[in-house]
Amino acid sequence: MTVIKERAVEMIKRIPEDDMMYVINILQNLEAMSSNKEKDKQKAKNALADILNMEKKLPENFDPVKELQEARIEKYDSLN
């Protein structure tokens, strides 16, 4: 057992029996948080894989300024 776990066990031994429900509740919450971390990590990895799979290359002659101008005209020209 690690030093940290030994220290935790010693602290738990000193806690009165009446208060042990609180300790159990805290430990259950910590355990749930630990398992959620793994799920969150897996979700993040899956999301990154989805993004990387959607990655596309722009054509060599892509002009972002021209594309922006055309998009603005398309969207806002009807306001004039």
PDB file of N, CA and C in Angstrom:
ATOM      1  N   MET A   1       0.847  -1.172   0.000  1.00  0.00           N
ATOM      2  CA  MET A   1       0.000   0.000   0.000  1.00  0.00           C
ATOM      3  C   MET A   1       0.895   1.238   0.000  1.00  0.00           C
ATOM      4  N   THR A   2       0.476   2.228  -0.769  1.00  0.00           N
ATOM      5  CA  THR A   2       1.285   3.446  -0.826  1.00  0.00           C
ATOM      6  C   THR A   2       1.134   4.247   0.457  1.00  0.00           C
ATOM      7  N   VAL A   3       2.037   5.165   0.634  1.00  0.00           N
ATOM      8  CA  VAL A   3       2.033   6.006   1.829  1.00  0.00           C
ATOM      9  C   VAL A   3       0.737   6.817   1.898  1.00  0.00           C
ATOM     10  N   ILE A   4       0.300   7.299   0.769  1.00  0.00           N
ATOM     11  CA  ILE A   4      -0.928   8.115   0.742  1.00  0.00           C
ATOM     12  C   ILE A   4      -2.129   7.276   1.159  1.00  0.00           C
ATOM     13  N   LYS A   5      -2.219   6.053   0.641  1.00  0.00           N
ATOM     14  CA  LYS A   5      -3.342   5.184   1.008  1.00  0.00           C
ATOM     15  C   LYS A   5      -3.275   4.807   2.486  1.00  0.00           C
ATOM     16  N   GLU A   6      -2.081   4.555   2.976  1.00  0.00           N
ATOM     17  CA  GLU A   6      -1.926   4.242   4.401  1.00  0.00           C
ATOM     18  C   GLU A   6      -2.394   5.412   5.258  1.00  0.00           C
ATOM     19  N   ARG A   7      -2.043   6.594   4.842  1.00  0.00           N
ATOM     20  CA  ARG A   7      -2.453   7.793   5.568  1.00  0.00           C
ATOM     21  C   ARG A   7      -3.973   7.937   5.562  1.00  0.00           C
ATOM     22  N   ALA A   8      -4.594   7.667   4.414  1.00  0.00           N
ATOM     23  CA  ALA A   8      -6.052   7.744   4.300  1.00  0.00           C
ATOM     24  C   ALA A   8      -6.722   6.717   5.208  1.00  0.00           C
ATOM     25  N   VAL A   9      -6.180   5.505   5.232  1.00  0.00           N
ATOM     26  CA  VAL A   9      -6.743   4.451   6.083  1.00  0.00           C
ATOM     27  C   VAL A   9      -6.636   4.845   7.552  1.00  0.00           C
ATOM     28  N   GLU A  10      -5.507   5.399   7.943  1.00  0.00           N
ATOM     29  CA  GLU A  10      -5.331   5.830   9.336  1.00  0.00           C
ATOM     30  C   GLU A  10      -6.333   6.923   9.695  1.00  0.00           C
ATOM     31  N   MET A  11      -6.563   7.841   8.789  1.00  0.00           N
ATOM     32  CA  MET A  11      -7.536   8.901   9.049  1.00  0.00           C
ATOM     33  C   MET A  11      -8.941   8.316   9.189  1.00  0.00           C
ATOM     34  N   ILE A  12      -9.271   7.372   8.332  1.00  0.00           N
ATOM     35  CA  ILE A  12     -10.589   6.742   8.384  1.00  0.00           C
ATOM     36  C   ILE A  12     -10.768   5.990   9.696  1.00  0.00           C
ATOM     37  N   LYS A  13      -9.727   5.353  10.173  1.00  0.00           N
ATOM     38  CA  LYS A  13      -9.809   4.623  11.440  1.00  0.00           C
ATOM     39  C   LYS A  13     -10.136   5.541  12.610  1.00  0.00           C
ATOM     40  N   ARG A  14      -9.693   6.793  12.528  1.00  0.00           N
ATOM     41  CA  ARG A  14      -9.932   7.744  13.621  1.00  0.00           C
ATOM     42  C   ARG A  14     -11.324   8.378  13.571  1.00  0.00           C
ATOM     43  N   ILE A  15     -12.021   8.230  12.452  1.00  0.00           N
ATOM     44  CA  ILE A  15     -13.344   8.845  12.315  1.00  0.00           C
ATOM     45  C   ILE A  15     -14.368   8.032  13.110  1.00  0.00           C
ATOM     46  N   PRO A  16     -15.226   8.701  13.869  1.00  0.00           N
ATOM     47  CA  PRO A  16     -16.247   7.991  14.647  1.00  0.00           C
ATOM     48  C   PRO A  16     -17.197   7.212  13.719  1.00  0.00           C
ATOM     49  N   GLU A  17     -17.709   6.109  14.223  1.00  0.00           N
ATOM     50  CA  GLU A  17     -18.596   5.234  13.447  1.00  0.00           C
ATOM     51  C   GLU A  17     -19.819   5.996  12.917  1.00  0.00           C
ATOM     52  N   ASP A  18     -20.316   6.928  13.711  1.00  0.00           N
ATOM     53  CA  ASP A  18     -21.501   7.697  13.302  1.00  0.00           C
ATOM     54  C   ASP A  18     -21.255   8.521  12.034  1.00  0.00           C
ATOM     55  N   ASP A  19     -20.022   8.899  11.791  1.00  0.00           N
ATOM     56  CA  ASP A  19     -19.692   9.741  10.642  1.00  0.00           C
ATOM     57  C   ASP A  19     -19.226   8.943   9.424  1.00  0.00           C
ATOM     58  N   MET A  20     -19.188   7.636   9.530  1.00  0.00           N
ATOM     59  CA  MET A  20     -18.677   6.817   8.427  1.00  0.00           C
ATOM     60  C   MET A  20     -19.549   6.911   7.166  1.00  0.00           C
ATOM     61  N   MET A  21     -20.845   7.178   7.317  1.00  0.00           N
ATOM     62  CA  MET A  21     -21.702   7.319   6.142  1.00  0.00           C
ATOM     63  C   MET A  21     -21.223   8.459   5.250  1.00  0.00           C
ATOM     64  N   TYR A  22     -20.750   9.540   5.880  1.00  0.00           N
ATOM     65  CA  TYR A  22     -20.224  10.673   5.115  1.00  0.00           C
ATOM     66  C   TYR A  22     -18.983  10.252   4.326  1.00  0.00           C
ATOM     67  N   VAL A  23     -18.134   9.492   4.963  1.00  0.00           N
ATOM     68  CA  VAL A  23     -16.908   9.018   4.306  1.00  0.00           C
ATOM     69  C   VAL A  23     -17.267   8.134   3.116  1.00  0.00           C
ATOM     70  N   ILE A  24     -18.207   7.233   3.324  1.00  0.00           N
ATOM     71  CA  ILE A  24     -18.633   6.341   2.242  1.00  0.00           C
ATOM     72  C   ILE A  24     -19.217   7.145   1.087  1.00  0.00           C
ATOM     73  N   ASN A  25     -20.022   8.138   1.414  1.00  0.00           N
ATOM     74  CA  ASN A  25     -20.623   8.982   0.386  1.00  0.00           C
ATOM     75  C   ASN A  25     -19.547   9.701  -0.424  1.00  0.00           C
ATOM     76  N   ILE A  26     -18.570  10.259   0.267  1.00  0.00           N
ATOM     77  CA  ILE A  26     -17.469  10.957  -0.405  1.00  0.00           C
ATOM     78  C   ILE A  26     -16.697   9.996  -1.304  1.00  0.00           C
ATOM     79  N   LEU A  27     -16.393   8.815  -0.796  1.00  0.00           N
ATOM     80  CA  LEU A  27     -15.641   7.833  -1.590  1.00  0.00           C
ATOM     81  C   LEU A  27     -16.430   7.384  -2.817  1.00  0.00           C
ATOM     82  N   GLN A  28     -17.735   7.219  -2.668  1.00  0.00           N
ATOM     83  CA  GLN A  28     -18.559   6.827  -3.817  1.00  0.00           C
ATOM     84  C   GLN A  28     -18.551   7.919  -4.878  1.00  0.00           C
ATOM     85  N   ASN A  29     -18.629   9.176  -4.441  1.00  0.00           N
ATOM     86  CA  ASN A  29     -18.583  10.293  -5.394  1.00  0.00           C
ATOM     87  C   ASN A  29     -17.232  10.369  -6.105  1.00  0.00           C
ATOM     88  N   LEU A  30     -16.167  10.148  -5.361  1.00  0.00           N
ATOM     89  CA  LEU A  30     -14.832  10.145  -5.977  1.00  0.00           C
ATOM     90  C   LEU A  30     -14.696   9.017  -6.992  1.00  0.00           C
ATOM     91  N   GLU A  31     -15.229   7.861  -6.631  1.00  0.00           N
ATOM     92  CA  GLU A  31     -15.174   6.712  -7.536  1.00  0.00           C
ATOM     93  C   GLU A  31     -15.951   7.002  -8.825  1.00  0.00           C
ATOM     94  N   ALA A  32     -17.114   7.619  -8.695  1.00  0.00           N
ATOM     95  CA  ALA A  32     -17.923   7.965  -9.871  1.00  0.00           C
ATOM     96  C   ALA A  32     -17.192   8.980 -10.747  1.00  0.00           C
ATOM     97  N   MET A  33     -16.533   9.951 -10.114  1.00  0.00           N
ATOM     98  CA  MET A  33     -15.789  10.948 -10.878  1.00  0.00           C
ATOM     99  C   MET A  33     -14.643  10.298 -11.645  1.00  0.00           C
ATOM    100  N   SER A  34     -13.984   9.324 -11.052  1.00  0.00           N
ATOM    101  CA  SER A  34     -12.868   8.648 -11.714  1.00  0.00           C
ATOM    102  C   SER A  34     -13.345   7.900 -12.946  1.00  0.00           C
ATOM    103  N   SER A  35     -14.479   7.224 -12.831  1.00  0.00           N
ATOM    104  CA  SER A  35     -14.977   6.473 -13.987  1.00  0.00           C
ATOM    105  C   SER A  35     -15.465   7.421 -15.069  1.00  0.00           C
ATOM    106  N   ASN A  36     -15.996   8.584 -14.680  1.00  0.00           N
ATOM    107  CA  ASN A  36     -16.439   9.562 -15.672  1.00  0.00           C
ATOM    108  C   ASN A  36     -15.264  10.157 -16.431  1.00  0.00           C
ATOM    109  N   LYS A  37     -14.110  10.259 -15.784  1.00  0.00           N
ATOM    110  CA  LYS A  37     -12.931  10.792 -16.457  1.00  0.00           C
ATOM    111  C   LYS A  37     -12.568   9.933 -17.658  1.00  0.00           C
ATOM    112  N   GLU A  38     -12.630   8.623 -17.486  1.00  0.00           N
ATOM    113  CA  GLU A  38     -12.298   7.730 -18.586  1.00  0.00           C
ATOM    114  C   GLU A  38     -13.296   7.887 -19.721  1.00  0.00           C
ATOM    115  N   LYS A  39     -14.575   8.022 -19.376  1.00  0.00           N
ATOM    116  CA  LYS A  39     -15.598   8.226 -20.406  1.00  0.00           C
ATOM    117  C   LYS A  39     -15.370   9.549 -21.125  1.00  0.00           C
ATOM    118  N   ASP A  40     -15.038  10.607 -20.355  1.00  0.00           N
ATOM    119  CA  ASP A  40     -14.786  11.917 -20.948  1.00  0.00           C
ATOM    120  C   ASP A  40     -13.570  11.879 -21.872  1.00  0.00           C
ATOM    121  N   LYS A  41     -12.523  11.169 -21.444  1.00  0.00           N
ATOM    122  CA  LYS A  41     -11.333  11.043 -22.288  1.00  0.00           C
ATOM    123  C   LYS A  41     -11.679  10.353 -23.596  1.00  0.00           C
ATOM    124  N   GLN A  42     -12.482   9.291 -23.507  1.00  0.00           N
ATOM    125  CA  GLN A  42     -12.855   8.554 -24.710  1.00  0.00           C
ATOM    126  C   GLN A  42     -13.717   9.418 -25.633  1.00  0.00           C
ATOM    127  N   LYS A  43     -14.638  10.203 -25.043  1.00  0.00           N
ATOM    128  CA  LYS A  43     -15.463  11.105 -25.855  1.00  0.00           C
ATOM    129  C   LYS A  43     -14.580  12.130 -26.575  1.00  0.00           C
ATOM    130  N   ALA A  44     -13.605  12.666 -25.861  1.00  0.00           N
ATOM    131  CA  ALA A  44     -12.708  13.654 -26.452  1.00  0.00           C
ATOM    132  C   ALA A  44     -11.892  13.043 -27.584  1.00  0.00           C
ATOM    133  N   LYS A  45     -11.401  11.825 -27.380  1.00  0.00           N
ATOM    134  CA  LYS A  45     -10.639  11.151 -28.431  1.00  0.00           C
ATOM    135  C   LYS A  45     -11.511  10.895 -29.657  1.00  0.00           C
ATOM    136  N   ASN A  46     -12.744  10.473 -29.430  1.00  0.00           N
ATOM    137  CA  ASN A  46     -13.660  10.224 -30.545  1.00  0.00           C
ATOM    138  C   ASN A  46     -13.975  11.511 -31.299  1.00  0.00           C
ATOM    139  N   ALA A  47     -14.171  12.609 -30.557  1.00  0.00           N
ATOM    140  CA  ALA A  47     -14.458  13.891 -31.191  1.00  0.00           C
ATOM    141  C   ALA A  47     -13.272  14.356 -32.028  1.00  0.00           C
ATOM    142  N   LEU A  48     -12.066  14.194 -31.509  1.00  0.00           N
ATOM    143  CA  LEU A  48     -10.878  14.572 -32.269  1.00  0.00           C
ATOM    144  C   LEU A  48     -10.750  13.728 -33.524  1.00  0.00           C
ATOM    145  N   ALA A  49     -11.015  12.437 -33.413  1.00  0.00           N
ATOM    146  CA  ALA A  49     -10.954  11.558 -34.584  1.00  0.00           C
ATOM    147  C   ALA A  49     -11.975  11.991 -35.630  1.00  0.00           C
ATOM    148  N   ASP A  50     -13.167  12.384 -35.194  1.00  0.00           N
ATOM    149  CA  ASP A  50     -14.189  12.866 -36.133  1.00  0.00           C
ATOM    150  C   ASP A  50     -13.725  14.117 -36.845  1.00  0.00           C
ATOM    151  N   ILE A  51     -13.132  15.041 -36.089  1.00  0.00           N
ATOM    152  CA  ILE A  51     -12.643  16.285 -36.692  1.00  0.00           C
ATOM    153  C   ILE A  51     -11.545  15.994 -37.706  1.00  0.00           C
ATOM    154  N   LEU A  52     -10.625  15.125 -37.343  1.00  0.00           N
ATOM    155  CA  LEU A  52      -9.523  14.809 -38.252  1.00  0.00           C
ATOM    156  C   LEU A  52     -10.023  14.087 -39.503  1.00  0.00           C
ATOM    157  N   ASN A  53     -11.056  13.284 -39.363  1.00  0.00           N
ATOM    158  CA  ASN A  53     -11.621  12.609 -40.524  1.00  0.00           C
ATOM    159  C   ASN A  53     -12.318  13.583 -41.464  1.00  0.00           C
ATOM    160  N   MET A  54     -12.827  14.690 -40.920  1.00  0.00           N
ATOM    161  CA  MET A  54     -13.523  15.675 -41.743  1.00  0.00           C
ATOM    162  C   MET A  54     -12.565  16.666 -42.385  1.00  0.00           C
ATOM    163  N   GLU A  55     -11.329  16.637 -41.970  1.00  0.00           N
ATOM    164  CA  GLU A  55     -10.346  17.587 -42.472  1.00  0.00           C
ATOM    165  C   GLU A  55     -10.239  17.480 -43.994  1.00  0.00           C
ATOM    166  N   LYS A  56     -10.287  18.630 -44.657  1.00  0.00           N
ATOM    167  CA  LYS A  56     -10.190  18.658 -46.113  1.00  0.00           C
ATOM    168  C   LYS A  56      -9.095  19.639 -46.514  1.00  0.00           C
ATOM    169  N   LYS A  57      -8.526  19.391 -47.649  1.00  0.00           N
ATOM    170  CA  LYS A  57      -7.505  20.280 -48.187  1.00  0.00           C
ATOM    171  C   LYS A  57      -8.181  21.315 -49.083  1.00  0.00           C
ATOM    172  N   LEU A  58      -7.701  22.540 -49.005  1.00  0.00           N
ATOM    173  CA  LEU A  58      -8.215  23.595 -49.877  1.00  0.00           C
ATOM    174  C   LEU A  58      -7.498  23.522 -51.222  1.00  0.00           C
ATOM    175  N   PRO A  59      -8.176  23.935 -52.270  1.00  0.00           N
ATOM    176  CA  PRO A  59      -7.514  23.946 -53.577  1.00  0.00           C
ATOM    177  C   PRO A  59      -6.322  24.907 -53.578  1.00  0.00           C
ATOM    178  N   GLU A  60      -5.392  24.658 -54.464  1.00  0.00           N
ATOM    179  CA  GLU A  60      -4.187  25.496 -54.549  1.00  0.00           C
ATOM    180  C   GLU A  60      -4.534  26.957 -54.835  1.00  0.00           C
ATOM    181  N   ASN A  61      -5.563  27.198 -55.639  1.00  0.00           N
ATOM    182  CA  ASN A  61      -5.908  28.564 -56.033  1.00  0.00           C
ATOM    183  C   ASN A  61      -6.946  29.199 -55.102  1.00  0.00           C
ATOM    184  N   PHE A  62      -7.106  28.685 -53.892  1.00  0.00           N
ATOM    185  CA  PHE A  62      -8.086  29.220 -52.939  1.00  0.00           C
ATOM    186  C   PHE A  62      -7.672  30.613 -52.500  1.00  0.00           C
ATOM    187  N   ASP A  63      -8.607  31.562 -52.614  1.00  0.00           N
ATOM    188  CA  ASP A  63      -8.356  32.952 -52.221  1.00  0.00           C
ATOM    189  C   ASP A  63      -9.345  33.317 -51.109  1.00  0.00           C
ATOM    190  N   PRO A  64      -8.889  33.330 -49.852  1.00  0.00           N
ATOM    191  CA  PRO A  64      -9.819  33.580 -48.753  1.00  0.00           C
ATOM    192  C   PRO A  64     -10.476  34.956 -48.821  1.00  0.00           C
ATOM    193  N   VAL A  65      -9.771  35.977 -49.314  1.00  0.00           N
ATOM    194  CA  VAL A  65     -10.336  37.328 -49.407  1.00  0.00           C
ATOM    195  C   VAL A  65     -11.488  37.333 -50.406  1.00  0.00           C
ATOM    196  N   LYS A  66     -11.251  36.702 -51.551  1.00  0.00           N
ATOM    197  CA  LYS A  66     -12.294  36.627 -52.584  1.00  0.00           C
ATOM    198  C   LYS A  66     -13.498  35.831 -52.068  1.00  0.00           C
ATOM    199  N   GLU A  67     -13.239  34.736 -51.399  1.00  0.00           N
ATOM    200  CA  GLU A  67     -14.324  33.909 -50.852  1.00  0.00           C
ATOM    201  C   GLU A  67     -15.155  34.712 -49.854  1.00  0.00           C
ATOM    202  N   LEU A  68     -14.489  35.493 -49.006  1.00  0.00           N
ATOM    203  CA  LEU A  68     -15.187  36.310 -48.019  1.00  0.00           C
ATOM    204  C   LEU A  68     -16.045  37.370 -48.707  1.00  0.00           C
ATOM    205  N   GLN A  69     -15.485  38.022 -49.715  1.00  0.00           N
ATOM    206  CA  GLN A  69     -16.243  39.042 -50.440  1.00  0.00           C
ATOM    207  C   GLN A  69     -17.487  38.433 -51.092  1.00  0.00           C
ATOM    208  N   GLU A  70     -17.326  37.287 -51.726  1.00  0.00           N
ATOM    209  CA  GLU A  70     -18.457  36.627 -52.379  1.00  0.00           C
ATOM    210  C   GLU A  70     -19.521  36.215 -51.360  1.00  0.00           C
ATOM    211  N   ALA A  71     -19.086  35.732 -50.217  1.00  0.00           N
ATOM    212  CA  ALA A  71     -20.035  35.328 -49.179  1.00  0.00           C
ATOM    213  C   ALA A  71     -20.798  36.532 -48.643  1.00  0.00           C
ATOM    214  N   ARG A  72     -20.106  37.652 -48.471  1.00  0.00           N
ATOM    215  CA  ARG A  72     -20.778  38.869 -47.990  1.00  0.00           C
ATOM    216  C   ARG A  72     -21.793  39.369 -49.014  1.00  0.00           C
ATOM    217  N   ILE A  73     -21.410  39.370 -50.264  1.00  0.00           N
ATOM    218  CA  ILE A  73     -22.336  39.798 -51.322  1.00  0.00           C
ATOM    219  C   ILE A  73     -23.559  38.897 -51.348  1.00  0.00           C
ATOM    220  N   GLU A  74     -23.326  37.605 -51.275  1.00  0.00           N
ATOM    221  CA  GLU A  74     -24.422  36.644 -51.311  1.00  0.00           C
ATOM    222  C   GLU A  74     -25.372  36.857 -50.129  1.00  0.00           C
ATOM    223  N   LYS A  75     -24.807  37.101 -48.953  1.00  0.00           N
ATOM    224  CA  LYS A  75     -25.634  37.203 -47.756  1.00  0.00           C
ATOM    225  C   LYS A  75     -26.288  38.576 -47.597  1.00  0.00           C
ATOM    226  N   TYR A  76     -25.555  39.646 -47.901  1.00  0.00           N
ATOM    227  CA  TYR A  76     -26.034  40.981 -47.563  1.00  0.00           C
ATOM    228  C   TYR A  76     -26.442  41.830 -48.775  1.00  0.00           C
ATOM    229  N   ASP A  77     -26.257  41.368 -49.988  1.00  0.00           N
ATOM    230  CA  ASP A  77     -26.594  42.157 -51.169  1.00  0.00           C
ATOM    231  C   ASP A  77     -28.086  42.485 -51.234  1.00  0.00           C
ATOM    232  N   SER A  78     -28.890  41.575 -50.719  1.00  0.00           N
ATOM    233  CA  SER A  78     -30.334  41.808 -50.769  1.00  0.00           C
ATOM    234  C   SER A  78     -30.786  42.928 -49.831  1.00  0.00           C
ATOM    235  N   LEU A  79     -29.930  43.381 -48.936  1.00  0.00           N
ATOM    236  CA  LEU A  79     -30.288  44.459 -48.013  1.00  0.00           C
ATOM    237  C   LEU A  79     -30.247  45.819 -48.678  1.00  0.00           C
ATOM    238  N   ASN A  80     -29.562  45.919 -49.813  1.00  0.00           N
ATOM    239  CA  ASN A  80     -29.446  47.214 -50.526  1.00  0.00           C
ATOM    240  C   ASN A  80     -30.687  47.542 -51.295  1.00  0.00           C
TER     241      ASN A  80
END
